[in-house]
Amino acid sequence: MQSSNRNYTILRSKTTSSASFMSRVYFWMMAGIFMSGITAFVIASKPEAMMYLAQNRGIFFGLVIFQLVAVVALSAAVQRMSVAVAAGIFALYATLTGVTFSVLFLAYSMQSIALAFFTTAFAFAGLSGYGFVTKRDLGPIGSFCIMGLFGMLGVMLLSFFIPALAGTSVQLSISVIGVLVFSGLTAYDTQKIKALQNQFINEEQARKGAISGALILYLD
């Protein structure tokens, strides 16, 4: 009886700890989305700023490169940084994403962007929730989706050199595959991030791990 109670207490403690850690991850992710949204909206409200970005491809792609650098730096060295530096790099990435995403307002209406955002938000919540609660190992699904992601990137790169691959039907196929791939990655990454919580030996590592986890889910 005592052994059973002790096992229950340990299990309950682990569950609470995981929930607390994941709440931090979601907090940082939501903060990042908020920063991106506000940045995009502010720039979109200034037509001259949007046109400047759209007409100066060097600056636009320079910002994209800075985004990639921020992602690589945070992913590779987060545990060697202070919490403040990790948070700053994450905020920089989210802000740069808002800047580059602001050009979407040139092509789509506010209603279309809002519909896409809220549809994605509800889908993400369901998929991430499944990844958090399921006992099934999602590793095989994650591996399959990662291979699909590399395949998508390969086709997208080839489309720059082979115009036929930039056709409407090919782009639609890539979009559909992208939805499936990132749906699987959302559930898989949530489960993987939840498991990482057990590897942190102190509070500071856990705080930095939460920021890193938020970046992973933000990318999904």
Protein backbone atom coordinates (compact mmCIF):
# COMPACT_ATOMS: atom_id res chain seq x y z
CA MET A 1 0.00 0.00 0.00
CA GLN A 2 2.79 2.40 0.93
CA SER A 3 4.69 1.49 -2.25
CA SER A 4 1.59 2.17 -4.33
CA ASN A 5 1.08 5.56 -2.68
CA ARG A 6 4.74 6.42 -3.20
CA ASN A 7 4.55 5.53 -6.91
CA TYR A 8 1.41 7.61 -7.27
CA THR A 9 3.10 10.58 -5.59
CA ILE A 10 6.14 10.31 -7.89
CA LEU A 11 3.93 10.03 -10.97
CA ARG A 12 1.85 13.00 -9.89
CA SER A 13 4.99 15.04 -9.23
CA LYS A 14 6.36 14.25 -12.71
CA THR A 15 3.05 15.13 -14.34
CA THR A 16 2.89 18.47 -12.51
CA SER A 17 6.51 19.19 -13.41
CA SER A 18 5.87 18.43 -17.09
CA ALA A 19 2.77 20.60 -17.13
CA SER A 20 4.66 23.46 -15.49
CA PHE A 21 7.52 23.18 -17.99
CA MET A 22 5.18 23.01 -21.01
CA SER A 23 3.24 26.03 -19.73
CA ARG A 24 6.50 27.99 -19.93
CA VAL A 25 7.10 26.71 -23.46
CA TYR A 26 3.63 27.80 -24.56
CA PHE A 27 4.03 31.16 -22.82
CA TRP A 28 7.20 31.93 -24.76
CA MET A 29 5.66 30.70 -27.99
CA MET A 30 2.60 32.90 -27.54
CA ALA A 31 4.84 35.85 -26.66
CA GLY A 32 6.79 35.26 -29.88
CA ILE A 33 3.63 35.08 -31.98
CA PHE A 34 2.36 38.26 -30.34
CA MET A 35 5.61 40.09 -31.14
CA SER A 36 5.52 38.88 -34.74
CA GLY A 37 1.88 39.88 -35.15
CA ILE A 38 2.32 43.34 -33.69
CA THR A 39 5.44 43.96 -35.80
CA ALA A 40 3.73 42.80 -39.00
CA PHE A 41 0.64 44.91 -38.29
CA VAL A 42 2.66 48.06 -37.53
CA ILE A 43 4.70 47.74 -40.73
CA ALA A 44 1.60 46.85 -42.77
CA SER A 45 -0.02 50.08 -41.58
CA LYS A 46 2.81 51.98 -43.29
CA PRO A 47 2.47 51.33 -47.05
CA GLU A 48 5.80 52.96 -47.82
CA ALA A 49 7.60 50.56 -45.45
CA MET A 50 5.93 47.52 -47.03
CA MET A 51 6.73 48.68 -50.55
CA TYR A 52 10.34 49.31 -49.52
CA LEU A 53 10.66 45.72 -48.32
CA ALA A 54 8.92 44.32 -51.40
CA GLN A 55 11.03 46.33 -53.84
CA ASN A 56 14.40 45.77 -52.13
CA ARG A 57 14.96 42.04 -52.35
CA GLY A 58 18.49 42.28 -50.97
CA ILE A 59 17.22 43.75 -47.71
CA PHE A 60 14.31 41.32 -47.55
CA PHE A 61 16.47 38.23 -48.04
CA GLY A 62 19.08 39.71 -45.69
CA LEU A 63 16.42 39.74 -42.97
CA VAL A 64 15.53 36.14 -43.81
CA ILE A 65 19.19 35.16 -43.44
CA PHE A 66 19.32 36.91 -40.06
CA GLN A 67 16.29 34.86 -39.03
CA LEU A 68 18.07 31.65 -39.97
CA VAL A 69 21.18 32.74 -38.08
CA ALA A 70 19.08 33.43 -34.98
CA VAL A 71 17.44 30.01 -35.22
CA VAL A 72 20.75 28.19 -35.65
CA ALA A 73 22.42 30.14 -32.82
CA LEU A 74 19.56 29.53 -30.37
CA SER A 75 19.14 25.87 -31.31
CA ALA A 76 22.83 25.02 -31.16
CA ALA A 77 24.02 26.99 -28.16
CA VAL A 78 21.03 27.80 -25.97
CA GLN A 79 22.45 26.04 -22.88
CA ARG A 80 25.70 27.99 -23.17
CA MET A 81 23.86 31.33 -23.12
CA SER A 82 22.32 33.20 -20.24
CA VAL A 83 18.53 33.22 -20.01
CA ALA A 84 18.51 36.91 -20.97
CA VAL A 85 20.57 36.31 -24.13
CA ALA A 86 18.41 33.33 -25.16
CA ALA A 87 15.25 35.38 -24.62
CA GLY A 88 16.75 38.28 -26.59
CA ILE A 89 17.62 36.07 -29.57
CA PHE A 90 14.14 34.53 -29.51
CA ALA A 91 12.57 38.01 -29.42
CA LEU A 92 14.83 39.10 -32.30
CA TYR A 93 13.74 36.10 -34.36
CA ALA A 94 10.05 36.74 -33.66
CA THR A 95 10.41 40.42 -34.57
CA LEU A 96 12.26 39.66 -37.82
CA THR A 97 9.55 37.15 -38.70
CA GLY A 98 6.96 39.88 -38.23
CA VAL A 99 8.94 42.18 -40.54
CA THR A 100 9.19 39.59 -43.34
CA PHE A 101 5.59 38.45 -42.90
CA SER A 102 4.31 42.03 -43.22
CA VAL A 103 4.52 41.77 -47.03
CA LEU A 104 1.67 39.23 -46.88
CA PHE A 105 -0.65 42.19 -46.42
CA LEU A 106 0.21 43.22 -49.98
CA ALA A 107 -1.16 39.96 -51.37
CA TYR A 108 -3.97 39.01 -48.98
CA SER A 109 -6.81 40.76 -47.23
CA MET A 110 -6.95 41.18 -43.45
CA GLN A 111 -9.90 38.77 -43.37
CA SER A 112 -7.96 36.04 -45.19
CA ILE A 113 -4.93 36.42 -42.93
CA ALA A 114 -7.08 36.38 -39.79
CA LEU A 115 -8.94 33.25 -40.99
CA ALA A 116 -5.67 31.47 -41.74
CA PHE A 117 -4.23 32.47 -38.37
CA PHE A 118 -7.17 31.31 -36.25
CA THR A 119 -7.61 28.08 -38.25
CA THR A 120 -3.95 27.31 -37.74
CA ALA A 121 -4.13 28.22 -34.05
CA PHE A 122 -7.01 25.80 -33.39
CA ALA A 123 -5.34 23.03 -35.39
CA PHE A 124 -2.04 23.58 -33.58
CA ALA A 125 -3.73 23.49 -30.17
CA GLY A 126 -5.33 20.14 -30.95
CA LEU A 127 -2.19 18.58 -32.43
CA SER A 128 0.10 19.84 -29.67
CA GLY A 129 -2.39 18.72 -27.04
CA TYR A 130 -2.39 15.25 -28.56
CA GLY A 131 1.40 15.16 -28.54
CA PHE A 132 1.39 16.14 -24.86
CA VAL A 133 -1.09 13.55 -23.57
CA THR A 134 -0.54 10.53 -25.83
CA LYS A 135 1.47 7.57 -24.55
CA ARG A 136 2.21 6.42 -28.10
CA ASP A 137 5.77 6.87 -29.35
CA LEU A 138 5.57 9.45 -32.14
CA GLY A 139 9.21 8.97 -33.16
CA PRO A 140 8.41 7.09 -36.41
CA ILE A 141 5.91 9.79 -37.40
CA GLY A 142 8.47 12.48 -36.66
CA SER A 143 11.12 10.76 -38.77
CA PHE A 144 8.71 10.37 -41.68
CA CYS A 145 7.67 14.03 -41.46
CA ILE A 146 11.29 15.22 -41.32
CA MET A 147 12.00 13.29 -44.54
CA GLY A 148 8.91 14.88 -46.07
CA LEU A 149 10.14 18.30 -45.00
CA PHE A 150 13.50 17.81 -46.74
CA GLY A 151 11.65 16.62 -49.85
CA MET A 152 9.52 19.77 -49.83
CA LEU A 153 12.56 22.00 -49.44
CA GLY A 154 14.27 20.20 -52.31
CA VAL A 155 11.34 20.76 -54.67
CA MET A 156 11.08 24.42 -53.61
CA LEU A 157 14.78 24.98 -54.32
CA LEU A 158 14.53 23.24 -57.69
CA SER A 159 11.58 25.47 -58.62
CA PHE A 160 13.99 28.42 -58.73
CA PHE A 161 15.87 26.71 -61.56
CA ILE A 162 13.06 24.74 -63.22
CA PRO A 163 10.12 27.12 -63.90
CA ALA A 164 7.75 24.21 -64.58
CA LEU A 165 7.94 23.26 -60.90
CA ALA A 166 6.57 26.67 -59.94
CA GLY A 167 3.20 25.93 -61.52
CA THR A 168 -0.06 26.23 -59.62
CA SER A 169 -0.66 22.48 -59.34
CA VAL A 170 2.84 21.83 -57.96
CA GLN A 171 2.54 24.69 -55.47
CA LEU A 172 -0.84 23.41 -54.33
CA SER A 173 0.62 19.92 -53.83
CA ILE A 174 3.48 21.37 -51.79
CA SER A 175 1.01 23.30 -49.66
CA VAL A 176 -1.08 20.19 -48.94
CA ILE A 177 2.01 18.11 -48.13
CA GLY A 178 3.27 20.97 -45.95
CA VAL A 179 0.10 20.93 -43.87
CA LEU A 180 0.43 17.18 -43.30
CA VAL A 181 4.16 17.36 -42.56
CA PHE A 182 3.91 20.17 -40.03
CA SER A 183 0.84 18.63 -38.43
CA GLY A 184 2.86 15.52 -37.68
CA LEU A 185 5.88 17.56 -36.56
CA THR A 186 3.74 19.60 -34.16
CA ALA A 187 2.58 16.50 -32.28
CA TYR A 188 6.03 14.87 -32.45
CA ASP A 189 7.94 17.94 -31.31
CA THR A 190 5.54 18.51 -28.41
CA GLN A 191 6.18 14.99 -27.16
CA LYS A 192 9.94 15.43 -27.64
CA ILE A 193 10.01 18.77 -25.79
CA LYS A 194 7.98 17.32 -22.93
CA ALA A 195 10.54 14.51 -22.57
CA LEU A 196 13.45 16.98 -22.53
CA GLN A 197 12.23 18.38 -19.22
CA ASN A 198 13.71 15.38 -17.41
CA GLN A 199 17.22 16.25 -18.66
CA PHE A 200 17.47 19.63 -16.94
CA ILE A 201 19.36 19.57 -13.67
CA ASN A 202 18.51 23.06 -12.45
CA GLU A 203 16.02 25.88 -12.85
CA GLU A 204 18.17 27.94 -15.22
CA GLN A 205 18.53 25.06 -17.67
CA ALA A 206 14.78 24.51 -17.56
CA ARG A 207 14.11 28.18 -18.33
CA LYS A 208 16.45 28.12 -21.31
CA GLY A 209 14.98 24.80 -22.43
CA ALA A 210 11.52 26.35 -22.41
CA ILE A 211 12.70 29.12 -24.76
CA SER A 212 14.32 26.58 -27.06
CA GLY A 213 11.14 24.48 -27.04
CA ALA A 214 9.06 27.54 -27.85
CA LEU A 215 11.25 28.21 -30.89
CA ILE A 216 10.75 24.65 -32.13
CA LEU A 217 6.97 24.90 -31.84
CA TYR A 218 6.99 28.41 -33.34
CA LEU A 219 8.81 27.03 -36.38
CA ASP A 220 6.19 24.28 -36.71
